[in-house]
Amino acid sequence: MKELKQLTKQFKTKNIMKKTCLFLTQAVIALSLVFAVSCNPKDDDDKIPKGGLKIGDSYQGGIVAYIDGTGKHGLIAAPKDQSPGVQWYNGKDVFLVTTGTAIGTGKNNTKRIVQMQGNGNYAAKLCDDLVLNGYDDWFLPSIDELNELYKNRLEIGGFDYTGIYWTSSEGVNRNDIVYYQYFSSGNQSNNYKNATHRVRAVRAF
């Protein structure tokens, strides 16, 4: 009888220890997950501050360059240029027809350009390949998007204020020209795709 009580006591003790170990293991895993999430700088970076965003704020891998009417969406500019001078094309004077000029069209423009031009060292590909501060969805801005960067160039910083910057918007009815913008005056014009101009990537939020 005494031995039976001892065995029962040992069984209960082992059972309690197993449950305790299981509980502690689950607790450690849960805490690890919470710690990993709370310490992920990208997650913190994705949260819009309580006071809202303003042009020039550091946010989602770059600098806030444009904010739409909702205050929740806009454009992020890379903190510095991706090239001091590179050709727009990769040797193919092909008119894509579908490149847009408005805000919100640069990302699709970039995809279309890269699909048509392929691998190489040219403006849209530099932006499309860019991985910066945990983000890989950068693109070459459209002419209207680039103009927002020009208007807010002092808040964004890092530009060559006498330089010329490429856009992803092609010229009208020509397969060999594309729009660019002077950052000295803000004037927009077009040039041949084999010319070399500066590049600044953006991404949408």
Protein backbone atom coordinates (compact mmCIF):
# COMPACT_ATOMS: atom_id res chain seq x y z
CA MET A 1 0.00 0.00 0.00
CA LYS A 2 2.83 2.34 0.91
CA GLU A 3 4.61 1.54 -2.37
CA LEU A 4 1.40 2.27 -4.31
CA LYS A 5 1.10 5.68 -2.68
CA GLN A 6 4.72 6.44 -3.52
CA LEU A 7 4.20 5.41 -7.16
CA THR A 8 1.05 7.53 -7.35
CA LYS A 9 2.89 10.50 -5.87
CA GLN A 10 5.78 10.05 -8.33
CA PHE A 11 3.34 9.83 -11.24
CA LYS A 12 1.57 13.01 -10.18
CA THR A 13 4.90 14.80 -9.73
CA LYS A 14 6.11 13.76 -13.20
CA ASN A 15 2.77 14.77 -14.71
CA ILE A 16 2.95 18.20 -13.08
CA MET A 17 6.55 18.64 -14.27
CA LYS A 18 5.57 17.75 -17.84
CA LYS A 19 2.68 20.22 -17.80
CA THR A 20 4.95 22.88 -16.30
CA CYS A 21 7.62 22.30 -18.96
CA LEU A 22 4.99 22.43 -21.72
CA PHE A 23 3.57 25.65 -20.31
CA LEU A 24 7.01 27.24 -20.03
CA THR A 25 7.92 26.16 -23.57
CA GLN A 26 4.73 27.67 -24.97
CA ALA A 27 5.29 30.83 -22.97
CA VAL A 28 8.85 31.21 -24.29
CA ILE A 29 7.67 30.72 -27.89
CA ALA A 30 4.88 33.27 -27.43
CA LEU A 31 7.23 35.82 -25.90
CA SER A 32 9.75 35.24 -28.69
CA LEU A 33 7.11 35.95 -31.32
CA VAL A 34 5.95 39.09 -29.54
CA PHE A 35 9.55 40.27 -29.19
CA ALA A 36 10.31 39.58 -32.84
CA VAL A 37 7.26 41.52 -34.02
CA SER A 38 7.76 44.45 -31.65
CA CYS A 39 11.45 44.73 -32.52
CA ASN A 40 10.97 44.67 -36.28
CA PRO A 41 11.96 48.21 -37.36
CA LYS A 42 10.06 47.87 -40.64
CA ASP A 43 6.80 47.21 -38.79
CA ASP A 44 7.36 50.29 -36.66
CA ASP A 45 8.31 52.25 -39.76
CA ASP A 46 5.04 51.30 -41.49
CA LYS A 47 2.91 52.95 -38.82
CA ILE A 48 1.77 56.46 -39.68
CA PRO A 49 2.63 58.74 -36.73
CA LYS A 50 -0.29 59.99 -34.63
CA GLY A 51 0.33 63.52 -35.77
CA GLY A 52 0.37 62.40 -39.42
CA LEU A 53 3.12 62.58 -42.01
CA LYS A 54 4.71 65.63 -43.56
CA ILE A 55 7.01 66.19 -46.50
CA GLY A 56 10.62 65.47 -45.53
CA ASP A 57 9.80 62.86 -42.88
CA SER A 58 11.84 59.65 -42.83
CA TYR A 59 9.35 56.87 -43.55
CA GLN A 60 9.26 53.41 -45.11
CA GLY A 61 12.82 53.31 -46.37
CA GLY A 62 13.21 56.87 -47.61
CA ILE A 63 11.93 60.44 -47.41
CA VAL A 64 8.27 61.46 -47.77
CA ALA A 65 8.09 63.35 -51.08
CA TYR A 66 4.36 63.62 -51.74
CA ILE A 67 1.16 63.06 -49.73
CA ASP A 68 -2.28 62.74 -51.32
CA GLY A 69 -5.52 64.19 -49.99
CA THR A 70 -6.15 61.29 -47.59
CA GLY A 71 -2.90 61.92 -45.75
CA LYS A 72 -2.29 58.16 -45.79
CA HIS A 73 -0.82 57.60 -49.25
CA GLY A 74 1.84 59.18 -51.39
CA LEU A 75 5.42 58.81 -52.57
CA ILE A 76 8.67 58.02 -50.81
CA ALA A 77 11.90 59.20 -52.44
CA ALA A 78 15.17 57.36 -52.01
CA PRO A 79 17.51 59.47 -49.82
CA LYS A 80 20.06 59.85 -52.62
CA ASP A 81 20.39 59.47 -56.40
CA GLN A 82 20.75 56.02 -57.90
CA SER A 83 22.98 57.32 -60.69
CA PRO A 84 24.77 60.56 -61.57
CA GLY A 85 24.23 59.80 -65.25
CA VAL A 86 22.82 56.78 -67.09
CA GLN A 87 20.96 56.12 -70.34
CA TRP A 88 17.18 55.81 -70.25
CA TYR A 89 17.15 52.79 -72.55
CA ASN A 90 19.12 49.61 -73.07
CA GLY A 91 19.60 50.05 -76.80
CA LYS A 92 15.99 49.59 -77.97
CA ASP A 93 14.18 52.62 -79.42
CA VAL A 94 10.73 51.15 -78.96
CA PHE A 95 7.66 53.29 -78.25
CA LEU A 96 5.74 51.64 -75.40
CA VAL A 97 2.57 53.71 -76.01
CA THR A 98 1.19 52.95 -72.53
CA THR A 99 3.60 54.94 -70.35
CA GLY A 100 1.60 57.43 -68.28
CA THR A 101 2.43 60.89 -67.01
CA ALA A 102 0.16 61.24 -63.96
CA ILE A 103 0.90 60.53 -60.31
CA GLY A 104 0.37 56.82 -59.79
CA THR A 105 1.62 55.71 -63.22
CA GLY A 106 5.37 55.49 -62.60
CA LYS A 107 5.33 51.99 -61.17
CA ASN A 108 3.54 50.51 -64.18
CA ASN A 109 5.71 52.57 -66.53
CA THR A 110 8.81 51.06 -64.94
CA LYS A 111 7.50 47.52 -65.28
CA ARG A 112 6.69 48.09 -68.95
CA ILE A 113 10.12 49.59 -69.65
CA VAL A 114 11.98 46.72 -67.96
CA GLN A 115 9.85 44.14 -69.78
CA MET A 116 10.70 45.75 -73.10
CA GLN A 117 14.36 46.66 -72.48
CA GLY A 118 15.40 43.56 -70.48
CA ASN A 119 18.58 43.28 -68.41
CA GLY A 120 21.17 46.02 -68.43
CA ASN A 121 22.32 49.25 -66.87
CA TYR A 122 19.67 51.88 -67.54
CA ALA A 123 17.39 54.20 -65.56
CA ALA A 124 14.29 52.07 -65.00
CA LYS A 125 16.29 48.91 -64.28
CA LEU A 126 18.37 50.66 -61.61
CA CYS A 127 15.15 51.58 -59.82
CA ASP A 128 13.47 48.22 -60.38
CA ASP A 129 16.50 46.34 -58.99
CA LEU A 130 16.94 48.62 -56.00
CA VAL A 131 16.67 47.09 -52.53
CA LEU A 132 16.94 49.84 -49.93
CA ASN A 133 16.26 49.84 -46.19
CA GLY A 134 14.18 46.67 -46.42
CA TYR A 135 12.07 47.74 -49.44
CA ASP A 136 12.33 46.39 -52.99
CA ASP A 137 9.37 48.05 -54.77
CA TRP A 138 11.13 51.17 -56.05
CA PHE A 139 10.44 52.60 -59.50
CA LEU A 140 11.36 55.40 -61.90
CA PRO A 141 8.88 58.27 -61.35
CA SER A 142 6.52 59.53 -64.03
CA ILE A 143 6.83 63.16 -65.10
CA ASP A 144 4.16 64.34 -62.62
CA GLU A 145 5.67 62.27 -59.82
CA LEU A 146 9.13 63.68 -60.50
CA ASN A 147 7.67 67.17 -60.43
CA GLU A 148 6.55 66.55 -56.84
CA LEU A 149 10.14 65.67 -55.99
CA TYR A 150 11.28 68.88 -57.63
CA LYS A 151 8.75 71.00 -55.71
CA ASN A 152 9.86 69.42 -52.43
CA ARG A 153 13.54 69.02 -53.33
CA LEU A 154 14.81 71.03 -50.35
CA GLU A 155 12.83 68.97 -47.82
CA ILE A 156 13.83 65.68 -49.48
CA GLY A 157 17.49 66.59 -49.99
CA GLY A 158 20.38 64.87 -51.75
CA PHE A 159 19.64 66.20 -55.24
CA ASP A 160 21.99 67.80 -57.70
CA TYR A 161 20.15 71.12 -57.87
CA THR A 162 21.74 71.89 -61.24
CA GLY A 163 21.12 68.39 -62.59
CA ILE A 164 18.66 66.84 -65.02
CA TYR A 165 16.57 63.84 -63.93
CA TRP A 166 14.90 61.14 -66.00
CA THR A 167 11.21 60.27 -65.80
CA SER A 168 9.50 57.05 -66.90
CA SER A 169 7.15 58.97 -69.23
CA GLU A 170 7.84 58.76 -72.95
CA GLY A 171 7.42 61.62 -75.38
CA VAL A 172 4.30 61.80 -77.53
CA ASN A 173 4.32 59.81 -80.79
CA ARG A 174 8.09 59.28 -80.79
CA ASN A 175 9.90 56.04 -80.05
CA ASP A 176 13.25 57.69 -79.33
CA ILE A 177 12.50 60.46 -76.80
CA VAL A 178 11.43 60.62 -73.17
CA TYR A 179 10.66 63.36 -70.64
CA TYR A 180 13.12 64.71 -68.10
CA GLN A 181 13.18 67.63 -65.66
CA TYR A 182 15.74 70.31 -64.85
CA PHE A 183 16.21 70.60 -61.09
CA SER A 184 17.71 74.07 -61.50
CA SER A 185 14.53 75.63 -62.93
CA GLY A 186 11.82 72.97 -62.82
CA ASN A 187 11.41 73.07 -66.59
CA GLN A 188 10.35 69.81 -68.22
CA SER A 189 11.42 68.77 -71.68
CA ASN A 190 12.41 65.64 -73.59
CA ASN A 191 15.56 64.09 -74.91
CA TYR A 192 16.78 61.07 -76.81
CA LYS A 193 16.76 57.82 -74.84
CA ASN A 194 20.48 57.31 -75.34
CA ALA A 195 21.30 60.54 -73.45
CA THR A 196 22.56 60.26 -69.88
CA HIS A 197 20.79 61.94 -66.97
CA ARG A 198 20.46 61.47 -63.21
CA VAL A 199 18.08 58.99 -61.55
CA ARG A 200 16.17 59.17 -58.27
CA ALA A 201 13.93 56.20 -57.39
CA VAL A 202 10.61 56.43 -55.58
CA ARG A 203 8.11 54.02 -54.07
CA ALA A 204 4.44 54.36 -53.19
CA PHE A 205 2.87 54.05 -49.74
